[in-house]
Protein backbone atom coordinates (compact mmCIF):
# COMPACT_ATOMS: atom_id res chain seq x y z
CA MET A 1 -0.62 108.49 94.02
CA GLU A 2 0.72 108.48 97.57
CA PRO A 3 -1.31 109.85 100.51
CA ARG A 4 -0.65 113.48 101.44
CA PRO A 5 1.18 114.34 104.64
CA ILE A 6 -1.09 116.37 106.92
CA GLN A 7 1.35 116.84 109.79
CA VAL A 8 5.15 117.05 109.93
CA LYS A 9 7.67 117.57 112.69
CA ALA A 10 11.46 117.60 112.61
CA LEU A 11 13.02 115.15 115.05
CA GLU A 12 16.57 114.54 116.28
CA ASN A 13 19.27 113.18 113.97
CA TYR A 14 17.66 114.47 110.72
CA LYS A 15 14.53 112.40 111.05
CA ILE A 16 11.05 113.62 110.19
CA TYR A 17 7.77 112.57 111.81
CA LEU A 18 4.92 112.39 109.30
CA LYS A 19 1.21 111.85 109.68
CA PHE A 20 -0.59 111.08 106.45
CA GLU A 21 -4.21 111.65 105.46
CA THR A 22 -4.73 107.88 105.88
CA GLY A 23 -3.97 108.20 109.59
CA GLU A 24 -0.63 106.42 109.18
CA GLU A 25 2.25 107.80 111.20
CA LYS A 26 5.76 107.30 109.88
CA ILE A 27 9.37 108.37 110.34
CA TYR A 28 11.45 109.47 107.37
CA ASP A 29 15.24 109.65 107.69
CA MET A 30 16.74 112.60 105.78
CA LYS A 31 20.42 111.77 106.51
CA MET A 32 21.17 110.15 103.13
CA LEU A 33 19.60 112.96 101.10
CA ILE A 34 21.47 115.59 103.11
CA LYS A 35 24.79 113.76 102.67
CA LYS A 36 24.35 112.91 99.00
CA TYR A 37 22.85 116.05 97.45
CA PRO A 38 24.17 119.63 97.80
CA PHE A 39 20.57 120.82 97.28
CA TYR A 40 19.90 119.78 100.90
CA SER A 41 23.08 121.21 102.48
CA LYS A 42 21.25 124.00 104.34
CA LEU A 43 19.26 121.33 106.19
CA LYS A 44 22.42 120.51 108.17
CA GLU A 45 21.62 123.61 110.22
CA GLU A 46 19.41 122.34 113.03
CA THR A 47 17.34 125.52 113.33
CA TYR A 48 16.64 125.55 109.60
CA PHE A 49 15.87 121.81 109.53
CA LYS A 50 13.22 122.26 112.23
CA ASN A 51 11.25 124.72 110.09
CA VAL A 52 9.71 122.07 107.85
CA LYS A 53 6.09 122.44 106.73
CA THR A 54 3.60 120.39 104.75
CA ARG A 55 2.96 121.70 101.26
CA GLY A 56 0.54 119.99 98.91
CA CYS A 57 1.55 116.36 98.52
CA THR A 58 4.96 116.74 100.20
CA ILE A 59 6.97 118.65 102.80
CA GLU A 60 9.08 121.74 102.21
CA TRP A 61 11.54 124.13 103.78
CA GLU A 62 11.81 127.89 103.37
CA ASN A 63 14.24 127.87 100.43
CA GLY A 64 12.26 125.28 98.47
CA GLU A 65 13.96 122.08 99.56
CA ASP A 66 11.39 119.31 99.33
CA VAL A 67 11.17 115.54 99.09
CA ALA A 68 9.43 113.55 96.36
CA PRO A 69 6.06 112.33 97.70
CA GLU A 70 6.82 108.72 96.73
CA LEU A 71 10.06 108.79 98.76
CA LEU A 72 8.32 110.32 101.75
CA TYR A 73 5.66 107.67 101.82
CA ASN A 74 7.44 104.55 100.54
CA ASP A 75 10.81 105.03 102.25
CA SER A 76 9.50 106.00 105.67
CA VAL A 77 9.00 103.58 108.54
CA LEU A 78 5.53 102.99 109.93
CA ILE A 79 5.28 103.71 113.65
CA ARG A 80 1.51 103.30 114.15
């Protein structure tokens, strides 16, 4: 099971800053998900995209858009 995100912040260019319970800080790029899946189309709106929150073992937006925990952790780039 992947570590839980404890902090999240939307960045420029559809990137997400994540801090995990392990202390690791990573960047996750949402561009491919937004382009590929209609489920994420509302995230193209910058104001909406910025309203991301942590929820359980993942992150989520107001209308239920979320990202699989294993993608968040394994496909993000370590920054610290």
